[in-house]
Amino acid sequence: MKQEFVEKIKHNPDYIKLVKIRTQYAIRLTITMLVIYFTFILTIAFKPSLLAQTISATSVITIGIPIGIFVILIAFVLTGLYTRRANSEFDDLSKKIKNSLVEKK
């Protein structure tokens, strides 16, 4: 790719907007996942008795099992949220950037 073309892309207002929005969204989702994950891990490390409690008096399943499953499922949900936004808003901006550069040729 020619350096001139790269510079046009880098200075395109829509590209700057895309990078900013995508980065902020990815950081928010990452922080959300890290907080959930490390809260679970730190609870296991420092307060295992909290997760070792059974769901009911007659159950052998501890509270930690459904919480662990929740941690795994939330990762899929957050990935789905990012993918949905990437396939709509981010792709639309990318197409707009591409079209504006093609028109300027």
PDB file of N, CA and C in Angstrom:
ATOM      1  N   MET A   1       0.848  -1.169   0.000  1.00  0.00           N
ATOM      2  CA  MET A   1       0.000   0.000   0.000  1.00  0.00           C
ATOM      3  C   MET A   1       0.898   1.238   0.000  1.00  0.00           C
ATOM      4  N   LYS A   2       0.547   2.195  -0.797  1.00  0.00           N
ATOM      5  CA  LYS A   2       1.336   3.415  -0.879  1.00  0.00           C
ATOM      6  C   LYS A   2       1.205   4.214   0.414  1.00  0.00           C
ATOM      7  N   GLN A   3       2.303   4.845   0.796  1.00  0.00           N
ATOM      8  CA  GLN A   3       2.324   5.628   2.032  1.00  0.00           C
ATOM      9  C   GLN A   3       1.307   6.766   1.973  1.00  0.00           C
ATOM     10  N   GLU A   4       1.134   7.353   0.812  1.00  0.00           N
ATOM     11  CA  GLU A   4       0.184   8.450   0.640  1.00  0.00           C
ATOM     12  C   GLU A   4      -1.242   7.986   0.952  1.00  0.00           C
ATOM     13  N   PHE A   5      -1.570   6.798   0.483  1.00  0.00           N
ATOM     14  CA  PHE A   5      -2.894   6.221   0.723  1.00  0.00           C
ATOM     15  C   PHE A   5      -3.089   5.937   2.213  1.00  0.00           C
ATOM     16  N   VAL A   6      -2.045   5.426   2.847  1.00  0.00           N
ATOM     17  CA  VAL A   6      -2.094   5.140   4.285  1.00  0.00           C
ATOM     18  C   VAL A   6      -2.326   6.431   5.062  1.00  0.00           C
ATOM     19  N   GLU A   7      -1.651   7.494   4.671  1.00  0.00           N
ATOM     20  CA  GLU A   7      -1.814   8.787   5.349  1.00  0.00           C
ATOM     21  C   GLU A   7      -3.234   9.324   5.181  1.00  0.00           C
ATOM     22  N   LYS A   8      -3.819   9.137   4.001  1.00  0.00           N
ATOM     23  CA  LYS A   8      -5.208   9.573   3.783  1.00  0.00           C
ATOM     24  C   LYS A   8      -6.153   8.842   4.731  1.00  0.00           C
ATOM     25  N   ILE A   9      -5.915   7.560   4.882  1.00  0.00           N
ATOM     26  CA  ILE A   9      -6.758   6.764   5.785  1.00  0.00           C
ATOM     27  C   ILE A   9      -6.580   7.237   7.221  1.00  0.00           C
ATOM     28  N   LYS A  10      -5.343   7.406   7.648  1.00  0.00           N
ATOM     29  CA  LYS A  10      -5.054   7.790   9.033  1.00  0.00           C
ATOM     30  C   LYS A  10      -5.631   9.153   9.399  1.00  0.00           C
ATOM     31  N   HIS A  11      -5.778  10.033   8.419  1.00  0.00           N
ATOM     32  CA  HIS A  11      -6.290  11.377   8.693  1.00  0.00           C
ATOM     33  C   HIS A  11      -7.776  11.533   8.361  1.00  0.00           C
ATOM     34  N   ASN A  12      -8.397  10.471   7.929  1.00  0.00           N
ATOM     35  CA  ASN A  12      -9.823  10.490   7.636  1.00  0.00           C
ATOM     36  C   ASN A  12     -10.595  10.594   8.952  1.00  0.00           C
ATOM     37  N   PRO A  13     -11.490  11.586   9.090  1.00  0.00           N
ATOM     38  CA  PRO A  13     -12.243  11.751  10.345  1.00  0.00           C
ATOM     39  C   PRO A  13     -13.060  10.510  10.730  1.00  0.00           C
ATOM     40  N   ASP A  14     -13.593   9.820   9.733  1.00  0.00           N
ATOM     41  CA  ASP A  14     -14.365   8.607  10.026  1.00  0.00           C
ATOM     42  C   ASP A  14     -13.466   7.496  10.557  1.00  0.00           C
ATOM     43  N   TYR A  15     -12.240   7.417  10.043  1.00  0.00           N
ATOM     44  CA  TYR A  15     -11.292   6.412  10.534  1.00  0.00           C
ATOM     45  C   TYR A  15     -10.905   6.714  11.983  1.00  0.00           C
ATOM     46  N   ILE A  16     -10.653   7.969  12.271  1.00  0.00           N
ATOM     47  CA  ILE A  16     -10.303   8.373  13.639  1.00  0.00           C
ATOM     48  C   ILE A  16     -11.459   8.040  14.582  1.00  0.00           C
ATOM     49  N   LYS A  17     -12.677   8.325  14.131  1.00  0.00           N
ATOM     50  CA  LYS A  17     -13.869   8.007  14.927  1.00  0.00           C
ATOM     51  C   LYS A  17     -13.991   6.501  15.142  1.00  0.00           C
ATOM     52  N   LEU A  18     -13.788   5.725  14.075  1.00  0.00           N
ATOM     53  CA  LEU A  18     -13.881   4.264  14.162  1.00  0.00           C
ATOM     54  C   LEU A  18     -12.878   3.710  15.168  1.00  0.00           C
ATOM     55  N   VAL A  19     -11.647   4.148  15.074  1.00  0.00           N
ATOM     56  CA  VAL A  19     -10.605   3.658  15.981  1.00  0.00           C
ATOM     57  C   VAL A  19     -10.947   4.013  17.422  1.00  0.00           C
ATOM     58  N   LYS A  20     -11.401   5.239  17.644  1.00  0.00           N
ATOM     59  CA  LYS A  20     -11.729   5.692  18.998  1.00  0.00           C
ATOM     60  C   LYS A  20     -12.889   4.883  19.586  1.00  0.00           C
ATOM     61  N   ILE A  21     -13.964   4.760  18.828  1.00  0.00           N
ATOM     62  CA  ILE A  21     -15.151   4.042  19.318  1.00  0.00           C
ATOM     63  C   ILE A  21     -14.834   2.571  19.556  1.00  0.00           C
ATOM     64  N   ARG A  22     -14.155   1.953  18.590  1.00  0.00           N
ATOM     65  CA  ARG A  22     -13.839   0.527  18.708  1.00  0.00           C
ATOM     66  C   ARG A  22     -12.913   0.260  19.890  1.00  0.00           C
ATOM     67  N   THR A  23     -11.926   1.117  20.079  1.00  0.00           N
ATOM     68  CA  THR A  23     -10.991   0.946  21.192  1.00  0.00           C
ATOM     69  C   THR A  23     -11.696   1.119  22.533  1.00  0.00           C
ATOM     70  N   GLN A  24     -12.509   2.156  22.655  1.00  0.00           N
ATOM     71  CA  GLN A  24     -13.230   2.389  23.910  1.00  0.00           C
ATOM     72  C   GLN A  24     -14.164   1.230  24.237  1.00  0.00           C
ATOM     73  N   TYR A  25     -14.854   0.726  23.238  1.00  0.00           N
ATOM     74  CA  TYR A  25     -15.780  -0.386  23.453  1.00  0.00           C
ATOM     75  C   TYR A  25     -15.029  -1.648  23.863  1.00  0.00           C
ATOM     76  N   ALA A  26     -13.936  -1.930  23.189  1.00  0.00           N
ATOM     77  CA  ALA A  26     -13.133  -3.112  23.525  1.00  0.00           C
ATOM     78  C   ALA A  26     -12.562  -3.002  24.935  1.00  0.00           C
ATOM     79  N   ILE A  27     -12.124  -1.817  25.319  1.00  0.00           N
ATOM     80  CA  ILE A  27     -11.580  -1.625  26.670  1.00  0.00           C
ATOM     81  C   ILE A  27     -12.673  -1.835  27.713  1.00  0.00           C
ATOM     82  N   ARG A  28     -13.860  -1.294  27.462  1.00  0.00           N
ATOM     83  CA  ARG A  28     -14.970  -1.481  28.421  1.00  0.00           C
ATOM     84  C   ARG A  28     -15.319  -2.955  28.592  1.00  0.00           C
ATOM     85  N   LEU A  29     -15.413  -3.677  27.479  1.00  0.00           N
ATOM     86  CA  LEU A  29     -15.740  -5.101  27.565  1.00  0.00           C
ATOM     87  C   LEU A  29     -14.621  -5.884  28.247  1.00  0.00           C
ATOM     88  N   THR A  30     -13.387  -5.528  27.957  1.00  0.00           N
ATOM     89  CA  THR A  30     -12.248  -6.204  28.577  1.00  0.00           C
ATOM     90  C   THR A  30     -12.234  -5.975  30.079  1.00  0.00           C
ATOM     91  N   ILE A  31     -12.431  -4.742  30.496  1.00  0.00           N
ATOM     92  CA  ILE A  31     -12.451  -4.435  31.932  1.00  0.00           C
ATOM     93  C   ILE A  31     -13.596  -5.176  32.613  1.00  0.00           C
ATOM     94  N   THR A  32     -14.757  -5.218  31.973  1.00  0.00           N
ATOM     95  CA  THR A  32     -15.894  -5.954  32.533  1.00  0.00           C
ATOM     96  C   THR A  32     -15.533  -7.414  32.760  1.00  0.00           C
ATOM     97  N   MET A  33     -14.938  -8.044  31.753  1.00  0.00           N
ATOM     98  CA  MET A  33     -14.571  -9.463  31.867  1.00  0.00           C
ATOM     99  C   MET A  33     -13.495  -9.669  32.923  1.00  0.00           C
ATOM    100  N   LEU A  34     -12.510  -8.786  32.968  1.00  0.00           N
ATOM    101  CA  LEU A  34     -11.437  -8.920  33.957  1.00  0.00           C
ATOM    102  C   LEU A  34     -11.961  -8.776  35.385  1.00  0.00           C
ATOM    103  N   VAL A  35     -12.871  -7.838  35.594  1.00  0.00           N
ATOM    104  CA  VAL A  35     -13.449  -7.659  36.934  1.00  0.00           C
ATOM    105  C   VAL A  35     -14.210  -8.912  37.352  1.00  0.00           C
ATOM    106  N   ILE A  36     -15.036  -9.437  36.459  1.00  0.00           N
ATOM    107  CA  ILE A  36     -15.805 -10.644  36.774  1.00  0.00           C
ATOM    108  C   ILE A  36     -14.868 -11.816  37.049  1.00  0.00           C
ATOM    109  N   TYR A  37     -13.904 -12.028  36.162  1.00  0.00           N
ATOM    110  CA  TYR A  37     -12.991 -13.167  36.285  1.00  0.00           C
ATOM    111  C   TYR A  37     -12.150 -13.077  37.556  1.00  0.00           C
ATOM    112  N   PHE A  38     -11.519 -11.930  37.781  1.00  0.00           N
ATOM    113  CA  PHE A  38     -10.639 -11.828  38.946  1.00  0.00           C
ATOM    114  C   PHE A  38     -11.410 -11.771  40.260  1.00  0.00           C
ATOM    115  N   THR A  39     -12.640 -11.288  40.241  1.00  0.00           N
ATOM    116  CA  THR A  39     -13.470 -11.371  41.442  1.00  0.00           C
ATOM    117  C   THR A  39     -13.701 -12.837  41.800  1.00  0.00           C
ATOM    118  N   PHE A  40     -14.007 -13.636  40.792  1.00  0.00           N
ATOM    119  CA  PHE A  40     -14.210 -15.072  41.005  1.00  0.00           C
ATOM    120  C   PHE A  40     -12.924 -15.738  41.499  1.00  0.00           C
ATOM    121  N   ILE A  41     -11.812 -15.482  40.835  1.00  0.00           N
ATOM    122  CA  ILE A  41     -10.534 -16.098  41.204  1.00  0.00           C
ATOM    123  C   ILE A  41     -10.089 -15.660  42.598  1.00  0.00           C
ATOM    124  N   LEU A  42     -10.220 -14.380  42.903  1.00  0.00           N
ATOM    125  CA  LEU A  42      -9.816 -13.896  44.226  1.00  0.00           C
ATOM    126  C   LEU A  42     -10.725 -14.437  45.322  1.00  0.00           C
ATOM    127  N   THR A  43     -11.996 -14.641  45.003  1.00  0.00           N
ATOM    128  CA  THR A  43     -12.901 -15.268  45.969  1.00  0.00           C
ATOM    129  C   THR A  43     -12.468 -16.705  46.235  1.00  0.00           C
ATOM    130  N   ILE A  44     -12.082 -17.417  45.187  1.00  0.00           N
ATOM    131  CA  ILE A  44     -11.575 -18.785  45.353  1.00  0.00           C
ATOM    132  C   ILE A  44     -10.320 -18.780  46.222  1.00  0.00           C
ATOM    133  N   ALA A  45      -9.448 -17.808  45.990  1.00  0.00           N
ATOM    134  CA  ALA A  45      -8.166 -17.765  46.701  1.00  0.00           C
ATOM    135  C   ALA A  45      -8.308 -17.346  48.160  1.00  0.00           C
ATOM    136  N   PHE A  46      -9.113 -16.329  48.421  1.00  0.00           N
ATOM    137  CA  PHE A  46      -9.136 -15.748  49.760  1.00  0.00           C
ATOM    138  C   PHE A  46     -10.392 -16.042  50.578  1.00  0.00           C
ATOM    139  N   LYS A  47     -11.445 -16.477  49.959  1.00  0.00           N
ATOM    140  CA  LYS A  47     -12.682 -16.783  50.688  1.00  0.00           C
ATOM    141  C   LYS A  47     -13.358 -18.009  50.076  1.00  0.00           C
ATOM    142  N   PRO A  48     -12.656 -19.149  50.010  1.00  0.00           N
ATOM    143  CA  PRO A  48     -13.228 -20.342  49.366  1.00  0.00           C
ATOM    144  C   PRO A  48     -14.482 -20.861  50.068  1.00  0.00           C
ATOM    145  N   SER A  49     -14.601 -20.594  51.350  1.00  0.00           N
ATOM    146  CA  SER A  49     -15.784 -21.070  52.075  1.00  0.00           C
ATOM    147  C   SER A  49     -17.066 -20.442  51.532  1.00  0.00           C
ATOM    148  N   LEU A  50     -16.950 -19.250  50.986  1.00  0.00           N
ATOM    149  CA  LEU A  50     -18.111 -18.574  50.408  1.00  0.00           C
ATOM    150  C   LEU A  50     -18.653 -19.349  49.204  1.00  0.00           C
ATOM    151  N   LEU A  51     -17.758 -19.842  48.364  1.00  0.00           N
ATOM    152  CA  LEU A  51     -18.171 -20.594  47.180  1.00  0.00           C
ATOM    153  C   LEU A  51     -18.420 -22.067  47.478  1.00  0.00           C
ATOM    154  N   ALA A  52     -17.998 -22.518  48.643  1.00  0.00           N
ATOM    155  CA  ALA A  52     -18.154 -23.928  49.007  1.00  0.00           C
ATOM    156  C   ALA A  52     -19.525 -24.238  49.604  1.00  0.00           C
ATOM    157  N   GLN A  53     -20.315 -23.219  49.846  1.00  0.00           N
ATOM    158  CA  GLN A  53     -21.652 -23.442  50.394  1.00  0.00           C
ATOM    159  C   GLN A  53     -22.515 -24.139  49.345  1.00  0.00           C
ATOM    160  N   THR A  54     -23.347 -25.051  49.814  1.00  0.00           N
ATOM    161  CA  THR A  54     -24.232 -25.757  48.882  1.00  0.00           C
ATOM    162  C   THR A  54     -25.413 -24.870  48.509  1.00  0.00           C
ATOM    163  N   ILE A  55     -25.999 -25.177  47.364  1.00  0.00           N
ATOM    164  CA  ILE A  55     -27.135 -24.393  46.873  1.00  0.00           C
ATOM    165  C   ILE A  55     -28.337 -24.543  47.802  1.00  0.00           C
ATOM    166  N   SER A  56     -28.565 -25.758  48.265  1.00  0.00           N
ATOM    167  CA  SER A  56     -29.636 -26.009  49.232  1.00  0.00           C
ATOM    168  C   SER A  56     -29.135 -27.055  50.222  1.00  0.00           C
ATOM    169  N   ALA A  57     -29.912 -27.279  51.256  1.00  0.00           N
ATOM    170  CA  ALA A  57     -29.501 -28.223  52.299  1.00  0.00           C
ATOM    171  C   ALA A  57     -29.378 -29.650  51.766  1.00  0.00           C
ATOM    172  N   THR A  58     -30.147 -29.992  50.766  1.00  0.00           N
ATOM    173  CA  THR A  58     -30.125 -31.361  50.233  1.00  0.00           C
ATOM    174  C   THR A  58     -29.238 -31.516  48.994  1.00  0.00           C
ATOM    175  N   SER A  59     -28.674 -30.430  48.527  1.00  0.00           N
ATOM    176  CA  SER A  59     -27.880 -30.461  47.297  1.00  0.00           C
ATOM    177  C   SER A  59     -26.402 -30.719  47.586  1.00  0.00           C
ATOM    178  N   VAL A  60     -25.731 -31.335  46.628  1.00  0.00           N
ATOM    179  CA  VAL A  60     -24.281 -31.506  46.735  1.00  0.00           C
ATOM    180  C   VAL A  60     -23.553 -30.478  45.863  1.00  0.00           C
ATOM    181  N   ILE A  61     -24.309 -29.712  45.096  1.00  0.00           N
ATOM    182  CA  ILE A  61     -23.722 -28.694  44.222  1.00  0.00           C
ATOM    183  C   ILE A  61     -23.453 -27.432  45.032  1.00  0.00           C
ATOM    184  N   THR A  62     -22.236 -26.930  44.910  1.00  0.00           N
ATOM    185  CA  THR A  62     -21.883 -25.711  45.637  1.00  0.00           C
ATOM    186  C   THR A  62     -22.243 -24.477  44.812  1.00  0.00           C
ATOM    187  N   ILE A  63     -22.274 -23.350  45.482  1.00  0.00           N
ATOM    188  CA  ILE A  63     -22.568 -22.082  44.815  1.00  0.00           C
ATOM    189  C   ILE A  63     -21.500 -21.763  43.769  1.00  0.00           C
ATOM    190  N   GLY A  64     -20.295 -22.233  43.983  1.00  0.00           N
ATOM    191  CA  GLY A  64     -19.195 -21.954  43.064  1.00  0.00           C
ATOM    192  C   GLY A  64     -19.400 -22.505  41.666  1.00  0.00           C
ATOM    193  N   ILE A  65     -20.111 -23.623  41.554  1.00  0.00           N
ATOM    194  CA  ILE A  65     -20.329 -24.238  40.234  1.00  0.00           C
ATOM    195  C   ILE A  65     -21.150 -23.323  39.320  1.00  0.00           C
ATOM    196  N   PRO A  66     -22.350 -22.879  39.719  1.00  0.00           N
ATOM    197  CA  PRO A  66     -23.102 -21.989  38.823  1.00  0.00           C
ATOM    198  C   PRO A  66     -22.401 -20.646  38.591  1.00  0.00           C
ATOM    199  N   ILE A  67     -21.678 -20.169  39.596  1.00  0.00           N
ATOM    200  CA  ILE A  67     -20.948 -18.913  39.401  1.00  0.00           C
ATOM    201  C   ILE A  67     -19.830 -19.115  38.381  1.00  0.00           C
ATOM    202  N   GLY A  68     -19.131 -20.234  38.450  1.00  0.00           N
ATOM    203  CA  GLY A  68     -18.097 -20.551  37.462  1.00  0.00           C
ATOM    204  C   GLY A  68     -18.672 -20.664  36.064  1.00  0.00           C
ATOM    205  N   ILE A  69     -19.839 -21.290  35.961  1.00  0.00           N
ATOM    206  CA  ILE A  69     -20.514 -21.397  34.661  1.00  0.00           C
ATOM    207  C   ILE A  69     -20.903 -20.007  34.156  1.00  0.00           C
ATOM    208  N   PHE A  70     -21.367 -19.157  35.072  1.00  0.00           N
ATOM    209  CA  PHE A  70     -21.711 -17.776  34.712  1.00  0.00           C
ATOM    210  C   PHE A  70     -20.496 -17.040  34.145  1.00  0.00           C
ATOM    211  N   VAL A  71     -19.336 -17.209  34.765  1.00  0.00           N
ATOM    212  CA  VAL A  71     -18.111 -16.547  34.296  1.00  0.00           C
ATOM    213  C   VAL A  71     -17.800 -16.975  32.862  1.00  0.00           C
ATOM    214  N   ILE A  72     -17.952 -18.259  32.581  1.00  0.00           N
ATOM    215  CA  ILE A  72     -17.698 -18.758  31.227  1.00  0.00           C
ATOM    216  C   ILE A  72     -18.737 -18.209  30.249  1.00  0.00           C
ATOM    217  N   LEU A  73     -20.003 -18.244  30.642  1.00  0.00           N
ATOM    218  CA  LEU A  73     -21.069 -17.779  29.748  1.00  0.00           C
ATOM    219  C   LEU A  73     -20.980 -16.284  29.475  1.00  0.00           C
ATOM    220  N   ILE A  74     -20.592 -15.504  30.481  1.00  0.00           N
ATOM    221  CA  ILE A  74     -20.500 -14.054  30.276  1.00  0.00           C
ATOM    222  C   ILE A  74     -19.424 -13.724  29.250  1.00  0.00           C
ATOM    223  N   ALA A  75     -18.385 -14.556  29.163  1.00  0.00           N
ATOM    224  CA  ALA A  75     -17.355 -14.346  28.135  1.00  0.00           C
ATOM    225  C   ALA A  75     -17.964 -14.497  26.743  1.00  0.00           C
ATOM    226  N   PHE A  76     -18.829 -15.498  26.568  1.00  0.00           N
ATOM    227  CA  PHE A  76     -19.508 -15.680  25.283  1.00  0.00           C
ATOM    228  C   PHE A  76     -20.454 -14.515  24.990  1.00  0.00           C
ATOM    229  N   VAL A  77     -21.160 -14.054  26.007  1.00  0.00           N
ATOM    230  CA  VAL A  77     -22.094 -12.940  25.831  1.00  0.00           C
ATOM    231  C   VAL A  77     -21.339 -11.678  25.417  1.00  0.00           C
ATOM    232  N   LEU A  78     -20.245 -11.376  26.106  1.00  0.00           N
ATOM    233  CA  LEU A  78     -19.467 -10.183  25.768  1.00  0.00           C
ATOM    234  C   LEU A  78     -18.877 -10.283  24.363  1.00  0.00           C
ATOM    235  N   THR A  79     -18.440 -11.471  23.988  1.00  0.00           N
ATOM    236  CA  THR A  79     -17.936 -11.682  22.627  1.00  0.00           C
ATOM    237  C   THR A  79     -19.047 -11.453  21.608  1.00  0.00           C
ATOM    238  N   GLY A  80     -20.243 -11.953  21.911  1.00  0.00           N
ATOM    239  CA  GLY A  80     -21.391 -11.741  21.031  1.00  0.00           C
ATOM    240  C   GLY A  80     -21.753 -10.272  20.895  1.00  0.00           C
ATOM    241  N   LEU A  81     -21.699  -9.539  22.008  1.00  0.00           N
ATOM    242  CA  LEU A  81     -21.983  -8.105  21.961  1.00  0.00           C
ATOM    243  C   LEU A  81     -20.989  -7.374  21.065  1.00  0.00           C
ATOM    244  N   TYR A  82     -19.708  -7.715  21.221  1.00  0.00           N
ATOM    245  CA  TYR A  82     -18.687  -7.071  20.390  1.00  0.00           C
ATOM    246  C   TYR A  82     -18.899  -7.424  18.917  1.00  0.00           C
ATOM    247  N   THR A  83     -19.157  -8.686  18.645  1.00  0.00           N
ATOM    248  CA  THR A  83     -19.338  -9.132  17.262  1.00  0.00           C
ATOM    249  C   THR A  83     -20.540  -8.453  16.617  1.00  0.00           C
ATOM    250  N   ARG A  84     -21.633  -8.353  17.360  1.00  0.00           N
ATOM    251  CA  ARG A  84     -22.833  -7.702  16.822  1.00  0.00           C
ATOM    252  C   ARG A  84     -22.554  -6.240  16.480  1.00  0.00           C
ATOM    253  N   ARG A  85     -21.871  -5.555  17.382  1.00  0.00           N
ATOM    254  CA  ARG A  85     -21.561  -4.141  17.121  1.00  0.00           C
ATOM    255  C   ARG A  85     -20.547  -4.002  15.986  1.00  0.00           C
ATOM    256  N   ALA A  86     -19.571  -4.913  15.944  1.00  0.00           N
ATOM    257  CA  ALA A  86     -18.560  -4.871  14.878  1.00  0.00           C
ATOM    258  C   ALA A  86     -19.200  -5.107  13.516  1.00  0.00           C
ATOM    259  N   ASN A  87     -20.176  -5.998  13.459  1.00  0.00           N
ATOM    260  CA  ASN A  87     -20.829  -6.319  12.190  1.00  0.00           C
ATOM    261  C   ASN A  87     -21.845  -5.272  11.759  1.00  0.00           C
ATOM    262  N   SER A  88     -22.181  -4.365  12.630  1.00  0.00           N
ATOM    263  CA  SER A  88     -23.130  -3.322  12.243  1.00  0.00           C
ATOM    264  C   SER A  88     -22.424  -1.967  12.198  1.00  0.00           C
ATOM    265  N   GLU A  89     -22.251  -1.364  13.332  1.00  0.00           N
ATOM    266  CA  GLU A  89     -21.705  -0.005  13.397  1.00  0.00           C
ATOM    267  C   GLU A  89     -20.279   0.084  12.850  1.00  0.00           C
ATOM    268  N   PHE A  90     -19.407  -0.813  13.269  1.00  0.00           N
ATOM    269  CA  PHE A  90     -18.007  -0.745  12.839  1.00  0.00           C
ATOM    270  C   PHE A  90     -17.869  -1.039  11.347  1.00  0.00           C
ATOM    271  N   ASP A  91     -18.612  -2.007  10.855  1.00  0.00           N
ATOM    272  CA  ASP A  91     -18.564  -2.321   9.424  1.00  0.00           C
ATOM    273  C   ASP A  91     -19.122  -1.173   8.584  1.00  0.00           C
ATOM    274  N   ASP A  92     -20.176  -0.532   9.086  1.00  0.00           N
ATOM    275  CA  ASP A  92     -20.749   0.602   8.362  1.00  0.00           C
ATOM    276  C   ASP A  92     -19.733   1.737   8.244  1.00  0.00           C
ATOM    277  N   LEU A  93     -19.039   2.010   9.340  1.00  0.00           N
ATOM    278  CA  LEU A  93     -18.010   3.052   9.301  1.00  0.00           C
ATOM    279  C   LEU A  93     -16.867   2.664   8.365  1.00  0.00           C
ATOM    280  N   SER A  94     -16.481   1.405   8.391  1.00  0.00           N
ATOM    281  CA  SER A  94     -15.406   0.930   7.505  1.00  0.00           C
ATOM    282  C   SER A  94     -15.798   1.100   6.039  1.00  0.00           C
ATOM    283  N   LYS A  95     -17.046   0.775   5.719  1.00  0.00           N
ATOM    284  CA  LYS A  95     -17.524   0.938   4.340  1.00  0.00           C
ATOM    285  C   LYS A  95     -17.549   2.415   3.947  1.00  0.00           C
ATOM    286  N   LYS A  96     -17.956   3.250   4.895  1.00  0.00           N
ATOM    287  CA  LYS A  96     -17.992   4.690   4.634  1.00  0.00           C
ATOM    288  C   LYS A  96     -16.583   5.216   4.356  1.00  0.00           C
ATOM    289  N   ILE A  97     -15.609   4.755   5.123  1.00  0.00           N
ATOM    290  CA  ILE A  97     -14.211   5.153   4.920  1.00  0.00           C
ATOM    291  C   ILE A  97     -13.734   4.686   3.551  1.00  0.00           C
ATOM    292  N   LYS A  98     -14.008   3.442   3.240  1.00  0.00           N
ATOM    293  CA  LYS A  98     -13.581   2.874   1.955  1.00  0.00           C
ATOM    294  C   LYS A  98     -14.203   3.641   0.791  1.00  0.00           C
ATOM    295  N   ASN A  99     -15.501   3.909   0.885  1.00  0.00           N
ATOM    296  CA  ASN A  99     -16.189   4.628  -0.188  1.00  0.00           C
ATOM    297  C   ASN A  99     -15.659   6.050  -0.360  1.00  0.00           C
ATOM    298  N   SER A 100     -15.360   6.715   0.747  1.00  0.00           N
ATOM    299  CA  SER A 100     -14.836   8.082   0.645  1.00  0.00           C
ATOM    300  C   SER A 100     -13.454   8.097   0.005  1.00  0.00           C
ATOM    301  N   LEU A 101     -12.663   7.071   0.230  1.00  0.00           N
ATOM    302  CA  LEU A 101     -11.328   7.003  -0.375  1.00  0.00           C
ATOM    303  C   LEU A 101     -11.402   6.633  -1.848  1.00  0.00           C
ATOM    304  N   VAL A 102     -12.351   5.787  -2.207  1.00  0.00           N
ATOM    305  CA  VAL A 102     -12.518   5.395  -3.609  1.00  0.00           C
ATOM    306  C   VAL A 102     -12.987   6.593  -4.430  1.00  0.00           C
ATOM    307  N   GLU A 103     -13.882   7.403  -3.847  1.00  0.00           N
ATOM    308  CA  GLU A 103     -14.401   8.585  -4.536  1.00  0.00           C
ATOM    309  C   GLU A 103     -13.310   9.620  -4.782  1.00  0.00           C
ATOM    310  N   LYS A 104     -12.333   9.713  -3.884  1.00  0.00           N
ATOM    311  CA  LYS A 104     -11.278  10.724  -3.986  1.00  0.00           C
ATOM    312  C   LYS A 104     -10.211  10.372  -5.012  1.00  0.00           C
ATOM    313  N   LYS A 105     -10.183   9.135  -5.476  1.00  0.00           N
ATOM    314  CA  LYS A 105      -9.143   8.718  -6.435  1.00  0.00           C
ATOM    315  C   LYS A 105      -9.216   9.446  -7.734  1.00  0.00           C
TER     316      LYS A 105
END
